[in-house]
Amino acid sequence: MMPQLSIPLVLLLLASASQSACLDDALPATSGVAGSAAPAPGEPLSEAPTGGDAPAPIGVSMPSPKNAVCGFDASGAVVAVANHERVLVYYYDGHALPILTPAEHVPDDAPIQNVEVTAGPGFFLVTVGWRVSADLQGTASFAFDLAGNLLWQLDSDSQNDGVLFIGDDGTAVMRRQKKDWQASHSVLVAKDGTVTELAPGFHPLGPPTRDGRIAGQIPELAGWLDLSTGEHTLFEAHGEKASVFMWGDALMVLSAAPKELRRVPASMVSDTSSLEYPGWLWLQAQAGAWLLMRGGDTGSWVRFHADGLTQEVVDPVLPQGQRLLDDCYAAQAIDGEGRLLAVLRDDDSAALWRYEVHAPTWTRLGQPSIGARMADVRVVGSTVITHYRDLHTYCQPLEWGADAAPMVSDALEITAPHLEPSLVLGGFSDVVARPDGRCVAYHDRTAPNGAAKGKPVIFDTLTRQTLELEGWGSIAFARGR
């Protein structure tokens, strides 16, 4: 029997404001395929090279020309960039529209702590945090449509209003961080600026569902909150090495005792899979309908599929001469087709490899790297981002052969289906990827102090076209309505 708990919500209605930002200083140019001249603002890019069907456009509601950078419509917004000086929205034709100057919205002489931008369906949400002292601080939040018009503005006395999630209906889930941590709580902000304060102690784990529910945790409990009634339906979520996370539209509870993986959707009609792996597991990665876990004793891989929570222990034979980059901190991931990704090494170099479970075959995807002690692998849609790091860890130092390739030890590599060769950046670079993986924003840096190697750009992994940016900061790709 699952205990149920009803916790009232406090509704706070705030009037939404509307303002139009009418600024005309167009800044950066758009560059086409490498070596071609940049077209004037409003002029289409040169014809893109063919190489397969392009993914469906994101951020637009109408078909886009096949030479549009990242599949965006030629008249649409591509990305927003926010930093302490200003917030800009960049458009396909190369012009940038300043929509906010953060310093104009904080008290005089108040130091700005952070400026962040997040994309919602058809709008950008910007938060500006400032702090004079422990007793005088606040956050100003703004929502702008893709044309740069102000939809609403909110002010709070929290030191940071962080955006956790934005749902498909435009509702933002935000965490208001207070000086007194016990007073910190989460709020929901509707697309019209209406605020709903959630009960203290309830930590949201995802955006609201289409039927008006939101998943979250209360210490040793997890469950769903019905936004229309304010009632929580909760269940116990504890056990040895228990962890709670979202997978698709369901809550998941992984525990070592009892040894099970439990799925609880909003309907509370749960299903459970007893773990067949003899040791204990921890979550390694997830992509689409696939989960990847790693055994804590032997390091075996166990993958789960959403259909019936089927599980499969995978112990592949590594390619001849190859081994994991670091046996005590192995870089592993899974893609949307259930293929495993790992960084393997021989005596001279390391590289990203992909494993087809039922083939079974290994394919090297990345270029060789040398000197890294560990690597992080992140899958974003069709793109894989691998970050090689030369960090000191508790693991045994790695040894390399005398003939090891003379490559940079700290490097960041972007691999994608149509990107050949892969894109390799300096290890201190910044990279943000659009959810489908086709489009990335990066700033190639060469030194720990942030010395820039070149201007930040938007990069289309399918066509290699770029859109140059004038500044760097928090970045969000436009989302369609």
Protein backbone atom coordinates (compact mmCIF):
# COMPACT_ATOMS: atom_id res chain seq x y z
CA MET A 1 0.00 0.00 0.00
CA MET A 2 1.51 3.30 -1.03
CA PRO A 3 1.14 6.10 1.54
CA GLN A 4 -0.49 9.22 0.15
CA LEU A 5 0.22 12.72 1.32
CA SER A 6 -1.66 15.88 0.41
CA ILE A 7 0.35 19.09 0.58
CA PRO A 8 -1.38 22.37 -0.30
CA LEU A 9 0.10 24.68 -2.87
CA VAL A 10 0.20 28.45 -2.61
CA LEU A 11 -0.71 30.18 -5.84
CA LEU A 12 0.86 33.52 -6.45
CA LEU A 13 -0.43 35.40 -9.48
CA LEU A 14 1.86 37.93 -11.00
CA ALA A 15 0.86 40.28 -13.75
CA SER A 16 2.75 39.69 -16.94
CA ALA A 17 4.44 42.56 -18.67
CA SER A 18 4.87 43.14 -22.37
CA GLN A 19 7.63 45.12 -23.92
CA SER A 20 9.15 45.26 -27.35
CA ALA A 21 12.89 45.40 -27.79
CA CYS A 22 13.50 47.38 -30.97
CA LEU A 23 17.24 47.45 -31.59
CA ASP A 24 18.89 47.36 -34.94
CA ASP A 25 22.66 46.94 -34.51
CA ALA A 26 23.29 43.80 -36.52
CA LEU A 27 26.68 42.38 -35.67
CA PRO A 28 28.15 39.08 -36.85
CA ALA A 29 28.50 37.64 -40.31
CA THR A 30 27.54 34.16 -41.41
CA SER A 31 30.13 32.00 -43.07
CA GLY A 32 29.40 29.16 -45.46
CA VAL A 33 31.45 26.11 -46.32
CA ALA A 34 35.14 26.51 -45.43
CA GLY A 35 36.92 28.79 -47.88
CA SER A 36 33.81 30.53 -49.23
CA ALA A 37 33.03 34.20 -48.79
CA ALA A 38 30.49 35.20 -46.16
CA PRO A 39 27.16 36.37 -47.64
CA ALA A 40 25.66 39.69 -46.68
CA PRO A 41 22.94 39.69 -43.99
CA GLY A 42 19.72 38.33 -45.45
CA GLU A 43 21.50 36.60 -48.34
CA PRO A 44 21.23 32.78 -48.31
CA LEU A 45 24.24 30.59 -47.65
CA SER A 46 25.95 28.75 -50.47
CA GLU A 47 24.60 25.35 -51.45
CA ALA A 48 25.29 22.76 -48.75
CA PRO A 49 27.13 19.56 -49.69
CA THR A 50 24.92 16.51 -49.92
CA GLY A 51 25.41 13.60 -47.58
CA GLY A 52 22.13 12.02 -46.58
CA ASP A 53 18.80 13.32 -45.41
CA ALA A 54 18.98 16.17 -42.94
CA PRO A 55 17.24 15.79 -39.58
CA ALA A 56 13.87 17.51 -39.20
CA PRO A 57 14.32 21.24 -38.41
CA ILE A 58 14.14 22.32 -34.78
CA GLY A 59 13.00 25.74 -33.62
CA VAL A 60 10.76 26.48 -36.62
CA SER A 61 7.22 25.58 -37.57
CA MET A 62 7.71 25.67 -41.34
CA PRO A 63 9.96 23.66 -43.70
CA SER A 64 13.46 25.08 -43.97
CA PRO A 65 15.63 25.26 -47.10
CA LYS A 66 18.18 22.47 -47.31
CA ASN A 67 21.05 24.96 -47.11
CA ALA A 68 19.85 26.52 -43.85
CA VAL A 69 22.48 26.35 -41.12
CA CYS A 70 21.47 23.62 -38.66
CA GLY A 71 18.10 23.24 -40.38
CA PHE A 72 16.70 26.51 -39.05
CA ASP A 73 14.40 28.59 -41.24
CA ALA A 74 16.13 31.47 -43.02
CA SER A 75 14.06 34.02 -41.11
CA GLY A 76 14.11 32.33 -37.70
CA ALA A 77 16.05 32.66 -34.47
CA VAL A 78 18.93 30.22 -34.07
CA VAL A 79 20.42 30.76 -30.63
CA ALA A 80 20.55 33.11 -27.64
CA VAL A 81 23.82 34.02 -25.90
CA ALA A 82 23.79 35.59 -22.44
CA ASN A 83 26.66 37.09 -20.45
CA HIS A 84 27.17 39.86 -17.91
CA GLU A 85 27.26 42.57 -20.58
CA ARG A 86 24.24 41.70 -22.74
CA VAL A 87 21.90 39.04 -24.05
CA LEU A 88 21.78 38.54 -27.83
CA VAL A 89 19.51 36.51 -30.09
CA TYR A 90 21.19 35.41 -33.33
CA TYR A 91 19.22 34.82 -36.52
CA TYR A 92 19.92 32.69 -39.58
CA ASP A 93 20.67 35.67 -41.83
CA GLY A 94 23.60 36.64 -39.59
CA HIS A 95 22.22 39.55 -37.59
CA ALA A 96 22.08 39.65 -33.80
CA LEU A 97 19.39 41.37 -31.75
CA PRO A 98 20.32 42.66 -28.25
CA ILE A 99 17.30 41.95 -26.03
CA LEU A 100 18.64 42.68 -22.54
CA THR A 101 21.39 44.60 -20.74
CA PRO A 102 21.66 42.84 -17.34
CA ALA A 103 23.25 45.80 -15.52
CA GLU A 104 20.09 47.87 -16.14
CA HIS A 105 18.01 45.45 -14.06
CA VAL A 106 20.01 45.19 -10.84
CA PRO A 107 20.44 47.77 -8.02
CA ASP A 108 23.13 50.39 -8.53
CA ASP A 109 26.63 49.00 -7.95
CA ALA A 110 25.25 45.51 -7.27
CA PRO A 111 27.71 42.91 -8.61
CA ILE A 112 26.12 40.50 -11.08
CA GLN A 113 26.71 36.90 -9.99
CA ASN A 114 25.38 34.99 -12.98
CA VAL A 115 23.42 35.42 -16.22
CA GLU A 116 21.82 32.30 -17.71
CA VAL A 117 19.56 31.66 -20.69
CA THR A 118 17.32 28.64 -21.30
CA ALA A 119 15.05 27.89 -24.26
CA GLY A 120 11.36 27.14 -23.95
CA PRO A 121 8.90 26.39 -26.76
CA GLY A 122 8.86 29.64 -28.73
CA PHE A 123 10.71 31.75 -26.13
CA PHE A 124 13.95 32.32 -24.23
CA LEU A 125 14.09 32.57 -20.42
CA VAL A 126 16.89 34.73 -18.95
CA THR A 127 17.85 34.90 -15.27
CA VAL A 128 20.13 37.59 -13.80
CA GLY A 129 21.42 36.95 -10.27
CA TRP A 130 23.02 39.71 -8.20
CA ARG A 131 24.41 40.01 -4.66
CA VAL A 132 25.47 42.97 -2.52
CA SER A 133 25.63 41.09 0.79
CA ALA A 134 24.19 38.02 2.48
CA ASP A 135 21.11 40.06 3.34
CA LEU A 136 20.78 41.94 0.07
CA GLN A 137 20.57 39.81 -3.05
CA GLY A 138 18.09 38.83 -5.71
CA THR A 139 17.29 37.46 -9.14
CA ALA A 140 15.49 39.08 -12.06
CA SER A 141 13.91 36.70 -14.58
CA PHE A 142 12.70 37.57 -18.08
CA ALA A 143 10.92 35.69 -20.86
CA PHE A 144 11.28 36.89 -24.46
CA ASP A 145 9.64 35.54 -27.58
CA LEU A 146 11.89 34.59 -30.49
CA ALA A 147 11.44 38.07 -31.99
CA GLY A 148 12.87 39.66 -28.83
CA ASN A 149 9.61 40.92 -27.30
CA LEU A 150 9.34 40.79 -23.51
CA LEU A 151 6.61 38.39 -22.38
CA TRP A 152 7.01 38.71 -18.61
CA GLN A 153 9.43 39.76 -15.88
CA LEU A 154 9.72 38.46 -12.30
CA ASP A 155 11.85 39.63 -9.38
CA SER A 156 12.71 37.60 -6.29
CA ASP A 157 14.93 37.94 -3.22
CA SER A 158 16.63 34.57 -3.76
CA GLN A 159 20.34 34.53 -4.54
CA ASN A 160 19.76 32.32 -7.56
CA ASP A 161 16.60 31.33 -9.44
CA GLY A 162 17.94 28.37 -11.40
CA VAL A 163 15.89 26.91 -14.25
CA LEU A 164 15.63 23.15 -13.75
CA PHE A 165 13.30 22.22 -16.62
CA ILE A 166 10.95 23.78 -19.17
CA GLY A 167 8.02 21.62 -20.29
CA ASP A 168 6.47 21.35 -23.74
CA ASP A 169 3.62 23.61 -22.58
CA GLY A 170 6.10 26.37 -21.69
CA THR A 171 5.93 25.88 -17.90
CA ALA A 172 9.32 26.50 -16.29
CA VAL A 173 10.42 24.65 -13.15
CA MET A 174 12.76 26.90 -11.16
CA ARG A 175 14.66 26.46 -7.91
CA ARG A 176 14.79 29.50 -5.62
CA GLN A 177 17.94 29.26 -3.54
CA LYS A 178 17.77 31.12 -0.25
CA LYS A 179 20.43 32.11 2.28
CA ASP A 180 18.63 29.75 4.65
CA TRP A 181 18.72 26.47 2.73
CA GLN A 182 15.67 25.18 4.55
CA ALA A 183 13.72 28.08 3.07
CA SER A 184 14.80 27.19 -0.49
CA HIS A 185 11.99 25.82 -2.63
CA SER A 186 10.89 25.27 -6.21
CA VAL A 187 8.32 27.19 -8.22
CA LEU A 188 6.47 26.67 -11.48
CA VAL A 189 6.23 29.65 -13.84
CA ALA A 190 3.61 29.37 -16.57
CA LYS A 191 4.15 30.82 -20.02
CA ASP A 192 2.09 33.88 -19.03
CA GLY A 193 4.25 34.54 -15.94
CA THR A 194 1.87 33.06 -13.36
CA VAL A 195 3.83 31.56 -10.45
CA THR A 196 2.92 28.43 -8.47
CA GLU A 197 5.01 27.83 -5.36
CA LEU A 198 5.67 24.18 -4.57
CA ALA A 199 5.79 22.88 -1.01
CA PRO A 200 9.20 23.14 0.72
CA GLY A 201 11.08 19.87 0.61
CA PHE A 202 9.59 18.73 -2.69
CA HIS A 203 12.41 18.47 -5.26
CA PRO A 204 11.14 18.22 -8.87
CA LEU A 205 12.84 15.62 -11.07
CA GLY A 206 11.36 16.65 -14.41
CA PRO A 207 9.02 19.07 -16.18
CA PRO A 208 5.23 18.86 -15.83
CA THR A 209 3.52 16.19 -17.93
CA ARG A 210 0.80 17.04 -20.41
CA ASP A 211 -1.86 15.87 -17.94
CA GLY A 212 -0.66 18.31 -15.25
CA ARG A 213 1.55 16.18 -13.00
CA ILE A 214 5.15 16.57 -11.93
CA ALA A 215 7.56 13.96 -10.52
CA GLY A 216 9.71 14.68 -7.49
CA GLN A 217 11.31 13.59 -4.25
CA ILE A 218 10.82 14.20 -0.55
CA PRO A 219 13.43 12.58 1.75
CA GLU A 220 13.07 8.78 1.43
CA LEU A 221 9.88 9.29 -0.62
CA ALA A 222 9.25 9.86 -4.30
CA GLY A 223 6.15 10.26 -6.37
CA TRP A 224 3.90 12.52 -8.38
CA LEU A 225 2.26 15.86 -7.64
CA ASP A 226 -1.13 16.63 -9.21
CA LEU A 227 -0.94 20.35 -10.04
CA SER A 228 -4.70 20.74 -10.29
CA THR A 229 -5.42 19.44 -6.77
CA GLY A 230 -2.11 20.02 -5.00
CA GLU A 231 -2.03 16.41 -3.81
CA HIS A 232 1.06 14.20 -3.77
CA THR A 233 0.92 10.47 -4.38
CA LEU A 234 4.12 9.17 -2.83
CA PHE A 235 5.86 5.86 -2.29
CA GLU A 236 8.91 4.74 -0.35
CA ALA A 237 12.11 5.07 -2.37
CA HIS A 238 14.85 3.89 -0.09
CA GLY A 239 17.08 0.87 0.17
CA GLU A 240 20.75 -0.01 0.01
CA LYS A 241 22.51 2.25 -2.52
CA ALA A 242 19.09 3.43 -3.73
CA SER A 243 18.92 6.12 -6.41
CA VAL A 244 15.93 7.84 -8.01
CA PHE A 245 15.97 9.30 -11.52
CA MET A 246 13.72 10.03 -14.50
CA TRP A 247 13.68 7.86 -17.61
CA GLY A 248 11.36 9.15 -20.29
CA ASP A 249 8.06 9.97 -18.58
CA ALA A 250 8.50 7.65 -15.59
CA LEU A 251 10.23 7.69 -12.21
CA MET A 252 12.86 5.00 -11.75
CA VAL A 253 14.18 3.57 -8.48
CA LEU A 254 17.38 1.52 -8.55
CA SER A 255 18.37 -0.31 -5.36
CA ALA A 256 20.89 -2.95 -4.32
CA ALA A 257 18.68 -4.39 -1.56
CA PRO A 258 16.20 -5.38 -2.75
CA LYS A 259 18.05 -5.92 -6.05
CA GLU A 260 15.58 -4.34 -8.44
CA LEU A 261 14.87 -1.59 -10.92
CA ARG A 262 11.38 -0.16 -10.45
CA ARG A 263 9.46 2.05 -12.90
CA VAL A 264 6.64 4.25 -11.60
CA PRO A 265 4.73 6.37 -14.17
CA ALA A 266 2.24 9.08 -13.24
CA SER A 267 -0.54 6.47 -13.19
CA MET A 268 1.32 4.82 -10.27
CA VAL A 269 0.85 1.46 -12.00
CA SER A 270 4.44 0.33 -11.58
CA ASP A 271 6.48 -2.53 -12.96
CA THR A 272 9.63 -4.01 -11.48
CA SER A 273 12.59 -5.86 -12.92
CA SER A 274 14.68 -8.02 -10.58
CA LEU A 275 18.35 -7.41 -11.29
CA GLU A 276 20.01 -10.51 -12.67
CA TYR A 277 23.54 -9.13 -12.33
CA PRO A 278 25.26 -10.72 -9.29
CA GLY A 279 26.94 -7.54 -8.01
CA TRP A 280 25.63 -4.04 -7.48
CA LEU A 281 25.05 -1.57 -10.31
CA TRP A 282 25.14 2.15 -10.82
CA LEU A 283 23.61 4.25 -13.56
CA GLN A 284 26.13 5.13 -16.26
CA ALA A 285 24.10 6.74 -19.07
CA GLN A 286 20.74 6.82 -20.80
CA ALA A 287 19.64 7.62 -24.36
CA GLY A 288 16.12 7.26 -25.72
CA ALA A 289 14.73 3.83 -24.83
CA TRP A 290 18.07 2.59 -23.46
CA LEU A 291 19.73 2.64 -20.04
CA LEU A 292 23.35 1.66 -19.42
CA MET A 293 24.58 0.56 -16.01
CA ARG A 294 27.97 -0.60 -14.85
CA GLY A 295 28.78 -3.35 -12.40
CA GLY A 296 30.57 -2.16 -9.30
CA ASP A 297 32.71 -5.28 -8.95
CA THR A 298 33.71 -6.60 -12.38
CA GLY A 299 32.93 -3.50 -14.43
CA SER A 300 30.55 -5.39 -16.73
CA TRP A 301 28.01 -3.42 -18.73
CA VAL A 302 24.30 -4.04 -18.26
CA ARG A 303 21.88 -2.41 -20.66
CA PHE A 304 18.12 -2.07 -20.17
CA HIS A 305 15.40 -1.41 -22.74
CA ALA A 306 12.22 0.47 -21.89
CA ASP A 307 10.06 -2.29 -23.40
CA GLY A 308 9.46 -4.53 -20.40
CA LEU A 309 12.63 -3.36 -18.63
CA THR A 310 14.50 -6.15 -20.38
CA GLN A 311 18.14 -6.40 -19.28
CA GLU A 312 21.26 -7.79 -20.85
CA VAL A 313 24.74 -8.24 -19.39
CA VAL A 314 27.35 -7.26 -21.98
CA ASP A 315 30.98 -8.36 -21.65
CA PRO A 316 32.47 -7.65 -25.07
CA VAL A 317 35.83 -8.94 -26.22
CA LEU A 318 37.90 -5.81 -26.84
CA PRO A 319 39.70 -5.29 -30.16
CA GLN A 320 43.16 -6.85 -30.32
CA GLY A 321 45.71 -4.76 -28.47
CA GLN A 322 43.04 -2.50 -26.92
CA ARG A 323 41.96 -2.05 -23.32
CA LEU A 324 39.82 0.46 -21.43
CA LEU A 325 41.48 3.85 -21.06
CA ASP A 326 41.29 3.50 -17.29
CA ASP A 327 39.91 0.40 -15.64
CA CYS A 328 38.93 2.27 -12.48
CA TYR A 329 37.26 5.20 -14.26
CA ALA A 330 36.17 3.90 -17.65
CA ALA A 331 34.42 6.28 -20.02
CA GLN A 332 31.23 4.56 -21.20
CA ALA A 333 27.96 5.65 -22.76
CA ILE A 334 25.07 4.33 -24.85
CA ASP A 335 23.39 5.86 -27.91
CA GLY A 336 19.76 5.92 -29.02
CA GLU A 337 20.17 2.65 -30.93
CA GLY A 338 21.52 0.76 -27.94
CA ARG A 339 25.14 0.74 -29.13
CA LEU A 340 27.83 1.02 -26.48
CA LEU A 341 30.50 3.72 -26.58
CA ALA A 342 33.83 3.52 -24.79
CA VAL A 343 37.27 5.10 -24.88
CA LEU A 344 39.86 2.38 -25.52
CA ARG A 345 43.65 2.60 -25.64
CA ASP A 346 46.73 0.73 -26.75
CA ASP A 347 50.31 1.54 -25.77
CA ASP A 348 50.46 4.64 -27.95
CA SER A 349 47.08 6.37 -27.99
CA ALA A 350 43.43 6.36 -26.94
CA ALA A 351 40.30 6.83 -29.05
CA LEU A 352 36.51 6.61 -28.96
CA TRP A 353 35.05 3.27 -30.12
CA ARG A 354 31.48 2.04 -30.72
CA TYR A 355 30.28 -1.53 -30.05
CA GLU A 356 27.37 -3.21 -31.86
CA VAL A 357 26.06 -5.65 -29.26
CA HIS A 358 24.44 -8.22 -31.55
CA ALA A 359 26.90 -8.00 -34.45
CA PRO A 360 29.24 -8.07 -32.40
CA THR A 361 31.74 -5.58 -33.83
CA TRP A 362 33.86 -2.62 -32.72
CA THR A 363 34.28 0.53 -34.85
CA ARG A 364 36.71 3.33 -34.06
CA LEU A 365 34.95 6.69 -34.30
CA GLY A 366 37.42 9.24 -33.00
CA GLN A 367 40.92 10.43 -33.70
CA PRO A 368 43.75 9.23 -31.44
CA SER A 369 44.64 11.16 -28.29
CA ILE A 370 47.63 10.73 -26.01
CA GLY A 371 48.35 11.48 -22.37
CA ALA A 372 44.81 11.67 -20.96
CA ARG A 373 44.23 9.90 -17.66
CA MET A 374 40.47 9.79 -18.11
CA ALA A 375 37.73 10.77 -20.53
CA ASP A 376 34.06 11.76 -20.37
CA VAL A 377 31.69 10.59 -23.11
CA ARG A 378 28.39 12.40 -23.67
CA VAL A 379 25.78 11.46 -26.29
CA VAL A 380 23.52 14.25 -27.56
CA GLY A 381 21.16 13.00 -30.25
CA SER A 382 23.33 11.87 -33.16
CA THR A 383 26.49 13.54 -31.83
CA VAL A 384 29.07 12.26 -29.35
CA ILE A 385 31.22 14.67 -27.33
CA THR A 386 34.37 13.16 -25.81
CA HIS A 387 36.45 15.15 -23.36
CA TYR A 388 39.96 13.82 -22.69
CA ARG A 389 41.37 15.03 -19.38
CA ASP A 390 44.84 14.91 -17.83
CA LEU A 391 43.62 15.07 -14.23
CA HIS A 392 45.16 13.54 -11.12
CA THR A 393 42.97 10.82 -9.64
CA TYR A 394 43.21 7.98 -7.13
CA CYS A 395 43.67 5.64 -10.09
CA GLN A 396 47.08 4.29 -11.04
CA PRO A 397 49.05 6.57 -13.40
CA LEU A 398 48.86 5.54 -17.04
CA GLU A 399 51.95 4.64 -18.99
CA TRP A 400 52.43 5.29 -22.70
CA GLY A 401 54.85 3.80 -25.19
CA ALA A 402 57.93 5.57 -26.50
CA ASP A 403 56.32 5.90 -29.93
CA ALA A 404 53.13 7.52 -28.63
CA ALA A 405 51.62 10.08 -30.99
CA PRO A 406 52.55 13.69 -30.09
CA MET A 407 48.99 14.92 -29.46
CA VAL A 408 47.55 17.28 -26.87
CA SER A 409 46.63 15.45 -23.67
CA ASP A 410 43.64 17.66 -22.89
CA ALA A 411 41.29 17.70 -25.88
CA LEU A 412 37.58 17.84 -26.68
CA GLU A 413 36.36 15.91 -29.72
CA ILE A 414 33.01 16.10 -31.53
CA THR A 415 32.00 13.12 -33.67
CA ALA A 416 28.80 12.86 -35.74
CA PRO A 417 27.48 10.59 -38.53
CA HIS A 418 28.30 12.99 -41.41
CA LEU A 419 31.28 14.73 -39.80
CA GLU A 420 34.51 13.41 -41.30
CA PRO A 421 37.03 14.05 -39.95
CA SER A 422 35.79 14.72 -36.43
CA LEU A 423 36.21 18.17 -34.90
CA VAL A 424 38.98 18.40 -32.26
CA LEU A 425 39.19 21.41 -29.93
CA GLY A 426 41.46 22.43 -27.08
CA GLY A 427 40.75 20.78 -23.75
CA PHE A 428 39.55 23.99 -22.10
CA SER A 429 36.97 24.67 -24.81
CA ASP A 430 33.27 25.16 -24.20
CA VAL A 431 30.67 23.16 -26.15
CA VAL A 432 26.87 23.27 -26.10
CA ALA A 433 24.83 20.88 -28.27
CA ARG A 434 21.26 21.14 -29.52
CA PRO A 435 19.14 18.18 -28.31
CA ASP A 436 19.12 16.48 -31.73
CA GLY A 437 22.92 16.72 -31.89
CA ARG A 438 23.11 18.19 -35.37
CA CYS A 439 24.00 21.69 -34.19
CA VAL A 440 26.71 22.63 -31.69
CA ALA A 441 28.09 25.89 -30.36
CA TYR A 442 31.73 25.92 -29.37
CA HIS A 443 34.50 28.27 -28.30
CA ASP A 444 37.97 26.86 -28.87
CA ARG A 445 40.23 27.81 -25.97
CA THR A 446 43.88 26.96 -25.47
CA ALA A 447 44.76 27.90 -21.88
CA PRO A 448 43.32 27.38 -18.39
CA ASN A 449 42.91 31.13 -17.94
CA GLY A 450 40.41 31.16 -20.81
CA ALA A 451 42.63 32.67 -23.48
CA ALA A 452 40.64 32.38 -26.68
CA LYS A 453 41.95 30.72 -29.82
CA GLY A 454 39.13 31.98 -32.01
CA LYS A 455 35.66 33.45 -32.00
CA PRO A 456 32.85 31.24 -30.78
CA VAL A 457 30.72 29.75 -33.56
CA ILE A 458 27.57 27.77 -34.25
CA PHE A 459 28.59 24.67 -36.19
CA ASP A 460 26.39 22.42 -38.35
CA THR A 461 27.80 18.88 -38.08
CA LEU A 462 25.88 17.83 -41.21
CA THR A 463 27.01 20.56 -43.61
CA ARG A 464 30.02 22.05 -41.74
CA GLN A 465 28.46 25.51 -42.16
CA THR A 466 29.04 28.02 -39.38
CA LEU A 467 27.47 31.09 -37.83
CA GLU A 468 30.01 33.31 -36.07
CA LEU A 469 29.22 34.78 -32.65
CA GLU A 470 30.55 38.02 -31.16
CA GLY A 471 30.58 36.85 -27.56
CA TRP A 472 30.36 33.79 -25.31
CA GLY A 473 28.39 32.93 -22.21
CA SER A 474 25.31 30.90 -21.42
CA ILE A 475 23.86 29.51 -24.68
CA ALA A 476 20.45 28.11 -25.59
CA PHE A 477 19.26 26.90 -29.00
CA ALA A 478 15.81 28.03 -30.08
CA ARG A 479 12.93 25.59 -29.59
CA GLY A 480 9.82 25.33 -31.75
CA ARG A 481 6.40 26.04 -30.28
